[in-house]
């Protein structure tokens, strides 16, 4: 699946097409319309031309304004840029770049020198699960994902991304697929595919961290921030279920309709844009 979906870029590890998944009414998600990725600031000229060949006309950046300003996207010619910030501080830390590694590791080493700090590192090795719950329920994140769907209604081809293309982007992709009627299990698998896509990136990052520390608790905590784990996406799905009292996301009382406020007309518009039409008799 990864080889079929992956858009090979020199400056990105996790760029892929969301097409081909089975959606509502036996229709599949259209190929070549919506792409998800990690950050686009390190793209080469060859990469930029590749995105232009895909017809990308809209770039949705889910990073914080600070991240976007420090590492601005390299945009395909003619593409409209939009920054939508779900306000995910831990995800920002997880996606920080090598230029920031020394300072980040020094702070964590300081924590590891105290009993309280060691307890923090042990108890938060899966802290991204809490971040995913926050992305589902916090008012700032909900407002951001509402804007995300408003932007999607403008049509594609488009690409959306955060820094590592994992959690802020992963939840956006999950919600997008659920709106199109993709089975929850399949949408969950798309999130987990990032683990394979980012395997080499994460290996390099861990090697970089080991330049600055060999403390096992610090390294375990950092690995937890970078990894793509079932616990993380399951935490998001469980929070969606809790908020909707167990109703499926697209049911009248479900998360997409109540928390995100998507109406029938908006859902129909998105499906018309991003699902293959039914074949005519």
C-alpha atoms as a PDB file:
ATOM      1  CA  UNK A   1       0.000   0.000   0.000  1.00  0.00           C
ATOM      2  CA  UNK A   2       2.765   2.425   0.918  1.00  0.00           C
ATOM      3  CA  UNK A   3       4.440   2.064  -2.488  1.00  0.00           C
ATOM      4  CA  UNK A   4       1.166   2.666  -4.314  1.00  0.00           C
ATOM      5  CA  UNK A   5       0.225   5.690  -2.245  1.00  0.00           C
ATOM      6  CA  UNK A   6       3.553   7.335  -1.625  1.00  0.00           C
ATOM      7  CA  UNK A   7       4.514  10.421  -3.589  1.00  0.00           C
ATOM      8  CA  UNK A   8       8.319  10.158  -3.672  1.00  0.00           C
ATOM      9  CA  UNK A   9       9.884  13.509  -2.812  1.00  0.00           C
ATOM     10  CA  UNK A  10      13.486  14.278  -1.939  1.00  0.00           C
ATOM     11  CA  UNK A  11      12.568  16.746   0.809  1.00  0.00           C
ATOM     12  CA  UNK A  12       9.661  14.855   2.376  1.00  0.00           C
ATOM     13  CA  UNK A  13       9.204  11.392   3.874  1.00  0.00           C
ATOM     14  CA  UNK A  14       5.461  11.179   4.318  1.00  0.00           C
ATOM     15  CA  UNK A  15       3.702  12.585   1.256  1.00  0.00           C
ATOM     16  CA  UNK A  16       0.909  10.400  -0.042  1.00  0.00           C
ATOM     17  CA  UNK A  17      -2.334  10.309  -1.986  1.00  0.00           C
ATOM     18  CA  UNK A  18      -5.550   9.661  -0.038  1.00  0.00           C
ATOM     19  CA  UNK A  19      -7.308   8.215  -3.072  1.00  0.00           C
ATOM     20  CA  UNK A  20      -8.549   4.675  -3.600  1.00  0.00           C
ATOM     21  CA  UNK A  21     -10.169   3.989  -0.244  1.00  0.00           C
ATOM     22  CA  UNK A  22     -13.730   2.605  -0.459  1.00  0.00           C
ATOM     23  CA  UNK A  23     -16.241   5.222   0.645  1.00  0.00           C
ATOM     24  CA  UNK A  24     -19.967   5.837   0.709  1.00  0.00           C
ATOM     25  CA  UNK A  25     -22.254   3.990  -1.695  1.00  0.00           C
ATOM     26  CA  UNK A  26     -19.580   1.725  -3.182  1.00  0.00           C
ATOM     27  CA  UNK A  27     -17.702   4.791  -4.437  1.00  0.00           C
ATOM     28  CA  UNK A  28     -13.960   5.160  -3.897  1.00  0.00           C
ATOM     29  CA  UNK A  29     -12.050   8.260  -2.869  1.00  0.00           C
ATOM     30  CA  UNK A  30     -10.752   9.966  -6.001  1.00  0.00           C
ATOM     31  CA  UNK A  31      -7.062   9.615  -6.724  1.00  0.00           C
ATOM     32  CA  UNK A  32      -5.052  12.773  -7.322  1.00  0.00           C
ATOM     33  CA  UNK A  33      -7.358  15.145  -5.445  1.00  0.00           C
ATOM     34  CA  UNK A  34      -6.205  15.231  -1.807  1.00  0.00           C
ATOM     35  CA  UNK A  35      -2.693  14.595  -0.537  1.00  0.00           C
ATOM     36  CA  UNK A  36      -1.319  14.511   3.000  1.00  0.00           C
ATOM     37  CA  UNK A  37       2.299  15.207   3.886  1.00  0.00           C
ATOM     38  CA  UNK A  38       4.913  16.253   6.365  1.00  0.00           C
ATOM     39  CA  UNK A  39       6.351  19.777   6.116  1.00  0.00           C
ATOM     40  CA  UNK A  40       7.164  21.267   2.725  1.00  0.00           C
ATOM     41  CA  UNK A  41       9.982  23.629   3.710  1.00  0.00           C
ATOM     42  CA  UNK A  42      12.788  21.303   2.551  1.00  0.00           C
ATOM     43  CA  UNK A  43      11.470  20.506  -0.920  1.00  0.00           C
ATOM     44  CA  UNK A  44      13.914  20.540  -3.804  1.00  0.00           C
ATOM     45  CA  UNK A  45      13.193  22.174  -7.129  1.00  0.00           C
ATOM     46  CA  UNK A  46      12.448  18.704  -8.473  1.00  0.00           C
ATOM     47  CA  UNK A  47       9.936  18.193  -5.655  1.00  0.00           C
ATOM     48  CA  UNK A  48       8.247  21.497  -6.390  1.00  0.00           C
ATOM     49  CA  UNK A  49       7.868  20.558 -10.033  1.00  0.00           C
ATOM     50  CA  UNK A  50       6.425  17.185  -8.995  1.00  0.00           C
ATOM     51  CA  UNK A  51       3.730  18.891  -6.913  1.00  0.00           C
ATOM     52  CA  UNK A  52       3.008  21.206  -9.825  1.00  0.00           C
ATOM     53  CA  UNK A  53       2.601  18.162 -12.081  1.00  0.00           C
ATOM     54  CA  UNK A  54      -0.039  16.897  -9.648  1.00  0.00           C
ATOM     55  CA  UNK A  55      -1.949  20.123 -10.171  1.00  0.00           C
ATOM     56  CA  UNK A  56      -1.735  21.206  -6.518  1.00  0.00           C
ATOM     57  CA  UNK A  57      -3.553  24.510  -6.248  1.00  0.00           C
ATOM     58  CA  UNK A  58      -4.088  24.744  -2.488  1.00  0.00           C
ATOM     59  CA  UNK A  59      -1.707  24.122   0.443  1.00  0.00           C
ATOM     60  CA  UNK A  60      -3.176  23.831   3.947  1.00  0.00           C
ATOM     61  CA  UNK A  61      -0.496  24.182   6.631  1.00  0.00           C
ATOM     62  CA  UNK A  62      -1.600  22.775  10.022  1.00  0.00           C
ATOM     63  CA  UNK A  63       1.491  23.984  11.867  1.00  0.00           C
ATOM     64  CA  UNK A  64       1.536  26.863  14.319  1.00  0.00           C
ATOM     65  CA  UNK A  65       2.240  30.333  12.898  1.00  0.00           C
ATOM     66  CA  UNK A  66       5.635  30.206  14.597  1.00  0.00           C
ATOM     67  CA  UNK A  67       6.572  26.941  12.891  1.00  0.00           C
ATOM     68  CA  UNK A  68       5.314  28.233   9.556  1.00  0.00           C
ATOM     69  CA  UNK A  69       7.277  31.471   9.869  1.00  0.00           C
ATOM     70  CA  UNK A  70      10.494  29.747  10.932  1.00  0.00           C
ATOM     71  CA  UNK A  71      10.320  27.088   8.201  1.00  0.00           C
ATOM     72  CA  UNK A  72       8.123  28.470   5.392  1.00  0.00           C
ATOM     73  CA  UNK A  73       6.655  26.100   2.826  1.00  0.00           C
ATOM     74  CA  UNK A  74       8.037  25.865  -0.671  1.00  0.00           C
ATOM     75  CA  UNK A  75       4.874  26.220  -2.720  1.00  0.00           C
ATOM     76  CA  UNK A  76       3.977  24.940  -6.174  1.00  0.00           C
ATOM     77  CA  UNK A  77       3.550  27.800  -8.619  1.00  0.00           C
ATOM     78  CA  UNK A  78       0.091  29.327  -8.368  1.00  0.00           C
ATOM     79  CA  UNK A  79      -0.915  27.462  -5.206  1.00  0.00           C
ATOM     80  CA  UNK A  80      -2.995  29.266  -2.573  1.00  0.00           C
ATOM     81  CA  UNK A  81      -1.532  28.950   0.937  1.00  0.00           C
ATOM     82  CA  UNK A  82      -3.589  28.763   4.134  1.00  0.00           C
ATOM     83  CA  UNK A  83      -2.328  28.352   7.695  1.00  0.00           C
ATOM     84  CA  UNK A  84      -4.798  26.620  10.032  1.00  0.00           C
ATOM     85  CA  UNK A  85      -3.472  26.039  13.544  1.00  0.00           C
ATOM     86  CA  UNK A  86      -5.067  23.341  15.778  1.00  0.00           C
ATOM     87  CA  UNK A  87      -2.950  24.678  18.685  1.00  0.00           C
ATOM     88  CA  UNK A  88      -1.196  21.400  19.489  1.00  0.00           C
ATOM     89  CA  UNK A  89       1.831  22.277  21.612  1.00  0.00           C
ATOM     90  CA  UNK A  90       3.034  18.704  22.155  1.00  0.00           C
ATOM     91  CA  UNK A  91       2.727  17.904  18.465  1.00  0.00           C
ATOM     92  CA  UNK A  92       4.856  20.967  17.777  1.00  0.00           C
ATOM     93  CA  UNK A  93       7.501  19.575  20.107  1.00  0.00           C
ATOM     94  CA  UNK A  94       7.274  16.161  18.449  1.00  0.00           C
ATOM     95  CA  UNK A  95       7.749  17.683  15.023  1.00  0.00           C
ATOM     96  CA  UNK A  96      10.578  20.052  15.868  1.00  0.00           C
ATOM     97  CA  UNK A  97      13.580  19.936  13.563  1.00  0.00           C
ATOM     98  CA  UNK A  98      17.189  18.956  14.036  1.00  0.00           C
ATOM     99  CA  UNK A  99      18.180  22.580  14.486  1.00  0.00           C
ATOM    100  CA  UNK A 100      16.231  22.513  17.774  1.00  0.00           C
ATOM    101  CA  UNK A 101      17.425  19.124  19.042  1.00  0.00           C
ATOM    102  CA  UNK A 102      20.215  20.169  21.401  1.00  0.00           C
ATOM    103  CA  UNK A 103      18.080  22.592  23.386  1.00  0.00           C
ATOM    104  CA  UNK A 104      15.180  20.130  23.584  1.00  0.00           C
ATOM    105  CA  UNK A 105      17.401  17.315  24.817  1.00  0.00           C
ATOM    106  CA  UNK A 106      19.135  19.540  27.385  1.00  0.00           C
ATOM    107  CA  UNK A 107      15.771  20.438  28.941  1.00  0.00           C
ATOM    108  CA  UNK A 108      14.769  16.794  29.131  1.00  0.00           C
ATOM    109  CA  UNK A 109      18.126  15.813  30.645  1.00  0.00           C
ATOM    110  CA  UNK A 110      17.488  18.414  33.322  1.00  0.00           C
ATOM    111  CA  UNK A 111      14.141  16.810  34.054  1.00  0.00           C
ATOM    112  CA  UNK A 112      15.761  13.385  34.308  1.00  0.00           C
ATOM    113  CA  UNK A 113      18.023  14.626  37.125  1.00  0.00           C
ATOM    114  CA  UNK A 114      15.125  14.915  39.605  1.00  0.00           C
ATOM    115  CA  UNK A 115      12.760  12.220  40.943  1.00  0.00           C
ATOM    116  CA  UNK A 116       9.764  14.302  39.858  1.00  0.00           C
ATOM    117  CA  UNK A 117      11.216  14.735  36.397  1.00  0.00           C
ATOM    118  CA  UNK A 118      11.927  11.040  36.027  1.00  0.00           C
ATOM    119  CA  UNK A 119       8.355  10.287  37.057  1.00  0.00           C
ATOM    120  CA  UNK A 120       7.158  12.730  34.400  1.00  0.00           C
ATOM    121  CA  UNK A 121       9.196  11.047  31.672  1.00  0.00           C
ATOM    122  CA  UNK A 122       8.003   7.580  32.680  1.00  0.00           C
ATOM    123  CA  UNK A 123       4.347   8.591  32.941  1.00  0.00           C
ATOM    124  CA  UNK A 124       4.353  10.526  29.667  1.00  0.00           C
ATOM    125  CA  UNK A 125       6.107   8.145  27.291  1.00  0.00           C
ATOM    126  CA  UNK A 126       2.761   7.889  25.468  1.00  0.00           C
ATOM    127  CA  UNK A 127       1.878  11.554  25.957  1.00  0.00           C
ATOM    128  CA  UNK A 128       0.807  11.905  22.330  1.00  0.00           C
ATOM    129  CA  UNK A 129      -2.351   9.988  23.256  1.00  0.00           C
ATOM    130  CA  UNK A 130      -3.356  12.933  25.449  1.00  0.00           C
ATOM    131  CA  UNK A 131      -2.474  15.302  22.615  1.00  0.00           C
ATOM    132  CA  UNK A 132      -4.747  13.402  20.255  1.00  0.00           C
ATOM    133  CA  UNK A 133      -7.605  13.582  22.756  1.00  0.00           C
ATOM    134  CA  UNK A 134      -7.053  17.326  23.000  1.00  0.00           C
ATOM    135  CA  UNK A 135      -7.122  17.680  19.219  1.00  0.00           C
ATOM    136  CA  UNK A 136     -10.553  16.027  19.222  1.00  0.00           C
ATOM    137  CA  UNK A 137     -12.125  18.026  22.037  1.00  0.00           C
ATOM    138  CA  UNK A 138     -10.396  21.385  22.550  1.00  0.00           C
ATOM    139  CA  UNK A 139     -12.284  24.433  21.223  1.00  0.00           C
ATOM    140  CA  UNK A 140      -9.234  25.740  19.352  1.00  0.00           C
ATOM    141  CA  UNK A 141      -8.641  22.457  17.550  1.00  0.00           C
ATOM    142  CA  UNK A 142     -12.321  22.021  16.714  1.00  0.00           C
ATOM    143  CA  UNK A 143     -12.427  25.521  15.224  1.00  0.00           C
ATOM    144  CA  UNK A 144      -9.308  24.726  13.182  1.00  0.00           C
ATOM    145  CA  UNK A 145     -10.724  21.502  11.776  1.00  0.00           C
ATOM    146  CA  UNK A 146     -13.955  23.285  10.900  1.00  0.00           C
ATOM    147  CA  UNK A 147     -11.863  25.715   8.856  1.00  0.00           C
ATOM    148  CA  UNK A 148     -10.050  22.748   7.332  1.00  0.00           C
ATOM    149  CA  UNK A 149     -13.329  21.381   5.972  1.00  0.00           C
ATOM    150  CA  UNK A 150     -14.364  24.812   4.711  1.00  0.00           C
ATOM    151  CA  UNK A 151     -11.107  24.920   2.759  1.00  0.00           C
ATOM    152  CA  UNK A 152     -11.655  21.404   1.401  1.00  0.00           C
ATOM    153  CA  UNK A 153     -15.024  22.555   0.061  1.00  0.00           C
ATOM    154  CA  UNK A 154     -13.095  24.846  -2.296  1.00  0.00           C
ATOM    155  CA  UNK A 155     -12.002  21.781  -4.254  1.00  0.00           C
ATOM    156  CA  UNK A 156      -8.665  20.227  -5.128  1.00  0.00           C
ATOM    157  CA  UNK A 157      -6.140  19.097  -5.972  1.00  0.00           C
ATOM    158  CA  UNK A 158      -4.763  20.144  -2.606  1.00  0.00           C
ATOM    159  CA  UNK A 159      -2.232  19.067  -0.018  1.00  0.00           C
ATOM    160  CA  UNK A 160      -2.397  19.446   3.761  1.00  0.00           C
ATOM    161  CA  UNK A 161       0.434  18.920   6.215  1.00  0.00           C
ATOM    162  CA  UNK A 162       1.954  19.700   9.601  1.00  0.00           C
ATOM    163  CA  UNK A 163       5.614  19.155  10.572  1.00  0.00           C
ATOM    164  CA  UNK A 164       5.920  15.365  10.665  1.00  0.00           C
ATOM    165  CA  UNK A 165       2.630  14.673   8.912  1.00  0.00           C
ATOM    166  CA  UNK A 166       1.642  12.435  11.811  1.00  0.00           C
ATOM    167  CA  UNK A 167      -0.831  13.714  14.407  1.00  0.00           C
ATOM    168  CA  UNK A 168      -2.317  17.061  13.383  1.00  0.00           C
ATOM    169  CA  UNK A 169      -2.318  15.834   9.797  1.00  0.00           C
ATOM    170  CA  UNK A 170      -3.244  12.306  10.833  1.00  0.00           C
ATOM    171  CA  UNK A 171      -6.414  13.450  12.564  1.00  0.00           C
ATOM    172  CA  UNK A 172      -7.310  15.702   9.629  1.00  0.00           C
ATOM    173  CA  UNK A 173      -6.939  12.739   7.252  1.00  0.00           C
ATOM    174  CA  UNK A 174      -9.003  10.502   9.532  1.00  0.00           C
ATOM    175  CA  UNK A 175     -11.835  13.059   9.688  1.00  0.00           C
ATOM    176  CA  UNK A 176     -11.710  13.622   5.925  1.00  0.00           C
ATOM    177  CA  UNK A 177     -11.998   9.903   5.208  1.00  0.00           C
ATOM    178  CA  UNK A 178     -14.808   9.433   7.722  1.00  0.00           C
ATOM    179  CA  UNK A 179     -16.798  12.245   6.092  1.00  0.00           C
ATOM    180  CA  UNK A 180     -16.505  10.408   2.780  1.00  0.00           C
ATOM    181  CA  UNK A 181     -17.923   7.264   4.366  1.00  0.00           C
ATOM    182  CA  UNK A 182     -14.645   5.368   4.570  1.00  0.00           C
ATOM    183  CA  UNK A 183     -14.834   2.619   7.177  1.00  0.00           C
ATOM    184  CA  UNK A 184     -13.375   3.596  10.532  1.00  0.00           C
ATOM    185  CA  UNK A 185     -10.989   0.639  10.487  1.00  0.00           C
ATOM    186  CA  UNK A 186      -9.565   1.681   7.113  1.00  0.00           C
ATOM    187  CA  UNK A 187      -9.243   5.338   8.167  1.00  0.00           C
ATOM    188  CA  UNK A 188      -7.373   4.161  11.264  1.00  0.00           C
ATOM    189  CA  UNK A 189      -5.001   2.099   9.104  1.00  0.00           C
ATOM    190  CA  UNK A 190      -4.199   5.189   7.055  1.00  0.00           C
ATOM    191  CA  UNK A 191      -3.019   6.925  10.240  1.00  0.00           C
ATOM    192  CA  UNK A 192      -0.835   3.933  11.142  1.00  0.00           C
ATOM    193  CA  UNK A 193       0.733   3.859   7.673  1.00  0.00           C
ATOM    194  CA  UNK A 194       2.741   6.906   8.744  1.00  0.00           C
ATOM    195  CA  UNK A 195       4.860   4.645  10.944  1.00  0.00           C
ATOM    196  CA  UNK A 196       6.278   2.904   7.888  1.00  0.00           C
ATOM    197  CA  UNK A 197       6.562   6.131   5.906  1.00  0.00           C
ATOM    198  CA  UNK A 198       8.526   7.871   8.671  1.00  0.00           C
ATOM    199  CA  UNK A 199      10.657   4.911   9.701  1.00  0.00           C
ATOM    200  CA  UNK A 200      13.875   6.249   8.126  1.00  0.00           C
ATOM    201  CA  UNK A 201      13.194   9.810   9.294  1.00  0.00           C
ATOM    202  CA  UNK A 202      12.686   8.626  12.872  1.00  0.00           C
ATOM    203  CA  UNK A 203      15.805   6.470  12.788  1.00  0.00           C
ATOM    204  CA  UNK A 204      17.853   9.493  11.785  1.00  0.00           C
ATOM    205  CA  UNK A 205      16.263  11.624  14.485  1.00  0.00           C
ATOM    206  CA  UNK A 206      16.966   9.066  17.207  1.00  0.00           C
ATOM    207  CA  UNK A 207      20.587   8.863  16.048  1.00  0.00           C
ATOM    208  CA  UNK A 208      20.715  12.640  16.363  1.00  0.00           C
ATOM    209  CA  UNK A 209      19.280  12.569  19.885  1.00  0.00           C
ATOM    210  CA  UNK A 210      21.864   9.964  20.908  1.00  0.00           C
ATOM    211  CA  UNK A 211      24.563  12.477  20.024  1.00  0.00           C
ATOM    212  CA  UNK A 212      23.374  14.543  22.977  1.00  0.00           C
ATOM    213  CA  UNK A 213      22.309  11.938  25.540  1.00  0.00           C
ATOM    214  CA  UNK A 214      22.278   8.242  26.350  1.00  0.00           C
ATOM    215  CA  UNK A 215      19.727   8.595  29.149  1.00  0.00           C
ATOM    216  CA  UNK A 216      17.169   5.811  28.536  1.00  0.00           C
ATOM    217  CA  UNK A 217      14.186   7.734  29.936  1.00  0.00           C
ATOM    218  CA  UNK A 218      14.905  10.776  27.768  1.00  0.00           C
ATOM    219  CA  UNK A 219      15.325   8.641  24.654  1.00  0.00           C
ATOM    220  CA  UNK A 220      12.176   6.655  25.385  1.00  0.00           C
ATOM    221  CA  UNK A 221      10.182   9.850  25.847  1.00  0.00           C
ATOM    222  CA  UNK A 222      11.495  11.329  22.586  1.00  0.00           C
ATOM    223  CA  UNK A 223      10.774   8.125  20.704  1.00  0.00           C
ATOM    224  CA  UNK A 224       7.211   8.237  22.008  1.00  0.00           C
ATOM    225  CA  UNK A 225       6.748  11.748  20.633  1.00  0.00           C
ATOM    226  CA  UNK A 226       7.941  10.771  17.164  1.00  0.00           C
ATOM    227  CA  UNK A 227       6.365   7.354  16.839  1.00  0.00           C
ATOM    228  CA  UNK A 228       3.013   6.542  15.251  1.00  0.00           C
ATOM    229  CA  UNK A 229       1.232   4.254  17.689  1.00  0.00           C
ATOM    230  CA  UNK A 230      -2.113   2.563  17.883  1.00  0.00           C
ATOM    231  CA  UNK A 231      -2.647   4.100  21.317  1.00  0.00           C
ATOM    232  CA  UNK A 232      -2.572   7.575  19.781  1.00  0.00           C
ATOM    233  CA  UNK A 233      -5.218   7.161  17.090  1.00  0.00           C
ATOM    234  CA  UNK A 234      -7.312   4.980  19.395  1.00  0.00           C
ATOM    235  CA  UNK A 235      -7.276   7.769  21.985  1.00  0.00           C
ATOM    236  CA  UNK A 236      -8.679  10.150  19.360  1.00  0.00           C
ATOM    237  CA  UNK A 237     -11.375   7.690  18.315  1.00  0.00           C
ATOM    238  CA  UNK A 238     -12.313   6.950  21.929  1.00  0.00           C
ATOM    239  CA  UNK A 239     -12.638  10.674  22.622  1.00  0.00           C
ATOM    240  CA  UNK A 240     -14.886  11.083  19.589  1.00  0.00           C
ATOM    241  CA  UNK A 241     -17.036   8.225  20.878  1.00  0.00           C
ATOM    242  CA  UNK A 242     -17.180   9.754  24.354  1.00  0.00           C
ATOM    243  CA  UNK A 243     -18.260  13.161  23.067  1.00  0.00           C
ATOM    244  CA  UNK A 244     -20.988  11.610  20.912  1.00  0.00           C
ATOM    245  CA  UNK A 245     -22.039   9.030  23.534  1.00  0.00           C
ATOM    246  CA  UNK A 246     -21.096   6.172  21.245  1.00  0.00           C
ATOM    247  CA  UNK A 247     -22.864   7.408  18.120  1.00  0.00           C
ATOM    248  CA  UNK A 248     -20.960   6.771  14.892  1.00  0.00           C
ATOM    249  CA  UNK A 249     -19.184   9.903  13.598  1.00  0.00           C
ATOM    250  CA  UNK A 250     -21.694  10.539  10.794  1.00  0.00           C
ATOM    251  CA  UNK A 251     -24.843   9.684  12.756  1.00  0.00           C
ATOM    252  CA  UNK A 252     -27.207  12.557  13.675  1.00  0.00           C
ATOM    253  CA  UNK A 253     -25.618  12.742  17.121  1.00  0.00           C
ATOM    254  CA  UNK A 254     -22.124  11.875  15.919  1.00  0.00           C
ATOM    255  CA  UNK A 255     -18.889  13.805  16.303  1.00  0.00           C
ATOM    256  CA  UNK A 256     -18.683  15.122  12.749  1.00  0.00           C
ATOM    257  CA  UNK A 257     -22.175  16.575  12.868  1.00  0.00           C
ATOM    258  CA  UNK A 258     -22.352  17.807  16.459  1.00  0.00           C
ATOM    259  CA  UNK A 259     -18.796  18.739  17.463  1.00  0.00           C
ATOM    260  CA  UNK A 260     -17.566  19.816  14.010  1.00  0.00           C
ATOM    261  CA  UNK A 261     -20.957  21.071  12.927  1.00  0.00           C
ATOM    262  CA  UNK A 262     -20.961  19.528   9.458  1.00  0.00           C
ATOM    263  CA  UNK A 263     -24.392  19.601   7.859  1.00  0.00           C
ATOM    264  CA  UNK A 264     -25.905  17.404   5.188  1.00  0.00           C
ATOM    265  CA  UNK A 265     -25.219  19.955   2.457  1.00  0.00           C
ATOM    266  CA  UNK A 266     -21.535  20.245   3.391  1.00  0.00           C
ATOM    267  CA  UNK A 267     -21.118  16.471   3.512  1.00  0.00           C
ATOM    268  CA  UNK A 268     -22.815  16.079   0.137  1.00  0.00           C
ATOM    269  CA  UNK A 269     -20.523  18.763  -1.325  1.00  0.00           C
ATOM    270  CA  UNK A 270     -17.399  17.026  -0.052  1.00  0.00           C
ATOM    271  CA  UNK A 271     -18.544  13.666  -1.355  1.00  0.00           C
ATOM    272  CA  UNK A 272     -19.332  15.134  -4.752  1.00  0.00           C
ATOM    273  CA  UNK A 273     -15.859  16.640  -4.908  1.00  0.00           C
ATOM    274  CA  UNK A 274     -13.796  13.752  -3.587  1.00  0.00           C
ATOM    275  CA  UNK A 275     -15.635  10.488  -4.315  1.00  0.00           C
ATOM    276  CA  UNK A 276     -15.682   8.879  -7.711  1.00  0.00           C
ATOM    277  CA  UNK A 277     -19.131   9.184  -9.318  1.00  0.00           C
ATOM    278  CA  UNK A 278     -21.239   6.069  -9.567  1.00  0.00           C
ATOM    279  CA  UNK A 279     -21.055   4.460 -13.020  1.00  0.00           C
ATOM    280  CA  UNK A 280     -24.079   5.121 -15.194  1.00  0.00           C
ATOM    281  CA  UNK A 281     -26.184   2.228 -16.390  1.00  0.00           C
END
